Amino acid sequence: MIKSARGFTLLEVLIALLVFGLIATAAAEVGSQYISSYERVRDKTLAGWLADNRINELRLQEDLPGISENSDDRDYGTYRWQVTTVVQGTEEPSMRRVEVTVARYTSGRTEATPVHTLSAFLGEK
């Protein structure tokens, strides 16, 4: 009596490969979303710190800042950032509205992408 060989049929192997392919695709998508989310949170955190630092620099000045708009580039962390400060007048002459916008330069681009904006009011001491 000859024993018949047991194993997977071609159809079973193809179905197993299909299931594995679907699972691998889903796992890759989840990984990609995780990385994108991490990068967004990292950029928002660093940009928030830069904006806070800029407003605190203005608060520490002896005089009330003049109405103006300026932009400068800064290295913070391992990235290059553009920090734009807009100082506007208010109805109260002894107060200023300050808006700081922080944008990050990405590799290969000459224009920065805005990441965070912070507004504050400064008054005379």
C-alpha atoms as a PDB file:
ATOM      1  CA  MET A   1       0.000   0.000   0.000  1.00  0.00           C
ATOM      2  CA  ILE A   2       1.415   3.347  -1.078  1.00  0.00           C
ATOM      3  CA  LYS A   3       0.933   6.348   1.176  1.00  0.00           C
ATOM      4  CA  SER A   4      -0.195   9.468  -0.638  1.00  0.00           C
ATOM      5  CA  ALA A   5       1.876  12.596  -0.131  1.00  0.00           C
ATOM      6  CA  ARG A   6       0.195  15.276   1.956  1.00  0.00           C
ATOM      7  CA  GLY A   7       0.811  19.015   1.495  1.00  0.00           C
ATOM      8  CA  PHE A   8      -0.715  22.265   0.418  1.00  0.00           C
ATOM      9  CA  THR A   9      -2.447  22.559  -2.876  1.00  0.00           C
ATOM     10  CA  LEU A  10      -1.568  25.367  -5.243  1.00  0.00           C
ATOM     11  CA  LEU A  11      -4.847  27.106  -4.431  1.00  0.00           C
ATOM     12  CA  GLU A  12      -4.131  27.027  -0.690  1.00  0.00           C
ATOM     13  CA  VAL A  13      -0.654  28.508  -1.240  1.00  0.00           C
ATOM     14  CA  LEU A  14      -2.053  31.302  -3.424  1.00  0.00           C
ATOM     15  CA  ILE A  15      -4.707  32.165  -0.840  1.00  0.00           C
ATOM     16  CA  ALA A  16      -2.065  32.229   1.915  1.00  0.00           C
ATOM     17  CA  LEU A  17       0.119  34.566  -0.181  1.00  0.00           C
ATOM     18  CA  LEU A  18      -2.857  36.841  -0.823  1.00  0.00           C
ATOM     19  CA  VAL A  19      -3.663  37.055   2.896  1.00  0.00           C
ATOM     20  CA  PHE A  20      -0.012  37.727   3.745  1.00  0.00           C
ATOM     21  CA  GLY A  21       0.170  40.435   1.068  1.00  0.00           C
ATOM     22  CA  LEU A  22      -2.917  42.186   2.427  1.00  0.00           C
ATOM     23  CA  ILE A  23      -1.577  42.096   5.982  1.00  0.00           C
ATOM     24  CA  ALA A  24       1.843  43.388   4.876  1.00  0.00           C
ATOM     25  CA  THR A  25       0.240  46.243   2.921  1.00  0.00           C
ATOM     26  CA  ALA A  26      -1.890  47.255   5.911  1.00  0.00           C
ATOM     27  CA  ALA A  27       1.135  47.128   8.229  1.00  0.00           C
ATOM     28  CA  ALA A  28       3.171  49.315   5.860  1.00  0.00           C
ATOM     29  CA  GLU A  29       0.336  51.870   5.711  1.00  0.00           C
ATOM     30  CA  VAL A  30       0.075  52.009   9.506  1.00  0.00           C
ATOM     31  CA  GLY A  31       3.839  52.454   9.771  1.00  0.00           C
ATOM     32  CA  SER A  32       3.790  55.267   7.228  1.00  0.00           C
ATOM     33  CA  GLN A  33       0.987  57.063   9.082  1.00  0.00           C
ATOM     34  CA  TYR A  34       2.884  56.711  12.347  1.00  0.00           C
ATOM     35  CA  ILE A  35       6.003  58.278  10.862  1.00  0.00           C
ATOM     36  CA  SER A  36       4.017  61.166   9.347  1.00  0.00           C
ATOM     37  CA  SER A  37       2.253  61.773  12.657  1.00  0.00           C
ATOM     38  CA  TYR A  38       5.554  61.734  14.541  1.00  0.00           C
ATOM     39  CA  GLU A  39       7.092  64.256  12.127  1.00  0.00           C
ATOM     40  CA  ARG A  40       4.073  66.571  12.436  1.00  0.00           C
ATOM     41  CA  VAL A  41       4.172  66.499  16.235  1.00  0.00           C
ATOM     42  CA  ARG A  42       7.952  67.036  16.264  1.00  0.00           C
ATOM     43  CA  ASP A  43       7.707  70.030  13.914  1.00  0.00           C
ATOM     44  CA  LYS A  44       4.791  71.584  15.845  1.00  0.00           C
ATOM     45  CA  THR A  45       6.677  71.204  19.130  1.00  0.00           C
ATOM     46  CA  LEU A  46       9.913  72.756  17.862  1.00  0.00           C
ATOM     47  CA  ALA A  47       8.048  75.549  16.060  1.00  0.00           C
ATOM     48  CA  GLY A  48       6.055  76.281  19.221  1.00  0.00           C
ATOM     49  CA  TRP A  49       9.257  76.623  21.218  1.00  0.00           C
ATOM     50  CA  LEU A  50      10.748  78.945  18.617  1.00  0.00           C
ATOM     51  CA  ALA A  51       7.624  81.147  18.634  1.00  0.00           C
ATOM     52  CA  ASP A  52       7.594  81.247  22.457  1.00  0.00           C
ATOM     53  CA  ASN A  53      11.276  82.180  22.491  1.00  0.00           C
ATOM     54  CA  ARG A  54      10.726  85.029  20.014  1.00  0.00           C
ATOM     55  CA  ILE A  55       7.824  86.507  21.990  1.00  0.00           C
ATOM     56  CA  ASN A  56       9.814  86.235  25.216  1.00  0.00           C
ATOM     57  CA  GLU A  57      12.732  88.048  23.540  1.00  0.00           C
ATOM     58  CA  LEU A  58      10.361  90.924  22.770  1.00  0.00           C
ATOM     59  CA  ARG A  59       8.949  90.890  26.309  1.00  0.00           C
ATOM     60  CA  LEU A  60      12.445  91.200  27.764  1.00  0.00           C
ATOM     61  CA  GLN A  61      13.285  94.317  25.745  1.00  0.00           C
ATOM     62  CA  GLU A  62      13.363  97.552  27.692  1.00  0.00           C
ATOM     63  CA  ASP A  63      11.135  99.414  25.236  1.00  0.00           C
ATOM     64  CA  LEU A  64       7.898  98.478  23.527  1.00  0.00           C
ATOM     65  CA  PRO A  65       8.694  97.138  20.048  1.00  0.00           C
ATOM     66  CA  GLY A  66       7.878  99.396  17.118  1.00  0.00           C
ATOM     67  CA  ILE A  67       5.269  98.509  14.534  1.00  0.00           C
ATOM     68  CA  SER A  68       7.114  96.366  11.998  1.00  0.00           C
ATOM     69  CA  GLU A  69       7.413  93.079  10.159  1.00  0.00           C
ATOM     70  CA  ASN A  70      10.647  91.143   9.903  1.00  0.00           C
ATOM     71  CA  SER A  71      11.809  87.652   9.144  1.00  0.00           C
ATOM     72  CA  ASP A  72      14.985  85.798   9.978  1.00  0.00           C
ATOM     73  CA  ASP A  73      16.318  82.279   9.562  1.00  0.00           C
ATOM     74  CA  ARG A  74      17.394  80.202  12.526  1.00  0.00           C
ATOM     75  CA  ASP A  75      18.891  76.786  13.077  1.00  0.00           C
ATOM     76  CA  TYR A  76      17.037  74.925  15.802  1.00  0.00           C
ATOM     77  CA  GLY A  77      17.430  71.237  16.392  1.00  0.00           C
ATOM     78  CA  THR A  78      18.740  69.764  13.182  1.00  0.00           C
ATOM     79  CA  TYR A  79      16.478  71.916  11.004  1.00  0.00           C
ATOM     80  CA  ARG A  80      16.448  75.369   9.439  1.00  0.00           C
ATOM     81  CA  TRP A  81      13.487  77.585  10.333  1.00  0.00           C
ATOM     82  CA  GLN A  82      12.100  80.908   9.171  1.00  0.00           C
ATOM     83  CA  VAL A  83      10.704  83.028  12.008  1.00  0.00           C
ATOM     84  CA  THR A  84       8.484  85.930  10.891  1.00  0.00           C
ATOM     85  CA  THR A  85       7.490  88.520  13.484  1.00  0.00           C
ATOM     86  CA  VAL A  86       4.678  91.004  12.832  1.00  0.00           C
ATOM     87  CA  VAL A  87       4.196  93.782  15.396  1.00  0.00           C
ATOM     88  CA  GLN A  88       0.923  95.693  15.042  1.00  0.00           C
ATOM     89  CA  GLY A  89      -0.517  98.664  16.871  1.00  0.00           C
ATOM     90  CA  THR A  90      -3.705  98.444  18.930  1.00  0.00           C
ATOM     91  CA  GLU A  91      -6.354 100.915  20.054  1.00  0.00           C
ATOM     92  CA  GLU A  92      -4.342 101.296  23.247  1.00  0.00           C
ATOM     93  CA  PRO A  93      -1.101 103.145  22.332  1.00  0.00           C
ATOM     94  CA  SER A  94       0.851 101.451  25.132  1.00  0.00           C
ATOM     95  CA  MET A  95       0.143  97.950  23.773  1.00  0.00           C
ATOM     96  CA  ARG A  96       1.235  95.966  20.717  1.00  0.00           C
ATOM     97  CA  ARG A  97      -0.136  92.822  19.110  1.00  0.00           C
ATOM     98  CA  VAL A  98       2.632  90.421  18.090  1.00  0.00           C
ATOM     99  CA  GLU A  99       2.174  87.508  15.726  1.00  0.00           C
ATOM    100  CA  VAL A 100       5.034  85.078  15.216  1.00  0.00           C
ATOM    101  CA  THR A 101       4.850  82.586  12.359  1.00  0.00           C
ATOM    102  CA  VAL A 102       7.380  79.755  12.235  1.00  0.00           C
ATOM    103  CA  ALA A 103       8.020  77.860   9.005  1.00  0.00           C
ATOM    104  CA  ARG A 104      10.418  74.978   8.316  1.00  0.00           C
ATOM    105  CA  TYR A 105      12.673  74.650   5.315  1.00  0.00           C
ATOM    106  CA  THR A 106      12.452  71.165   3.871  1.00  0.00           C
ATOM    107  CA  SER A 107      15.247  69.577   1.895  1.00  0.00           C
ATOM    108  CA  GLY A 108      15.407  70.664  -1.702  1.00  0.00           C
ATOM    109  CA  ARG A 109      13.063  73.647  -1.301  1.00  0.00           C
ATOM    110  CA  THR A 110      13.906  77.322  -1.129  1.00  0.00           C
ATOM    111  CA  GLU A 111      10.585  78.324   0.463  1.00  0.00           C
ATOM    112  CA  ALA A 112       9.672  77.393   4.009  1.00  0.00           C
ATOM    113  CA  THR A 113       6.423  75.611   4.889  1.00  0.00           C
ATOM    114  CA  PRO A 114       4.434  77.264   7.725  1.00  0.00           C
ATOM    115  CA  VAL A 115       4.130  75.065  10.797  1.00  0.00           C
ATOM    116  CA  HIS A 116       2.954  77.210  13.732  1.00  0.00           C
ATOM    117  CA  THR A 117       1.628  80.712  14.480  1.00  0.00           C
ATOM    118  CA  LEU A 118       1.505  82.294  17.924  1.00  0.00           C
ATOM    119  CA  SER A 119      -0.085  85.633  18.882  1.00  0.00           C
ATOM    120  CA  ALA A 120       0.485  87.703  22.020  1.00  0.00           C
ATOM    121  CA  PHE A 121      -0.059  91.187  23.373  1.00  0.00           C
ATOM    122  CA  LEU A 122       2.788  93.223  24.839  1.00  0.00           C
ATOM    123  CA  GLY A 123       2.400  96.299  27.017  1.00  0.00           C
ATOM    124  CA  GLU A 124       4.661  98.932  28.489  1.00  0.00           C
ATOM    125  CA  LYS A 125       6.272  98.013  31.787  1.00  0.00           C
END
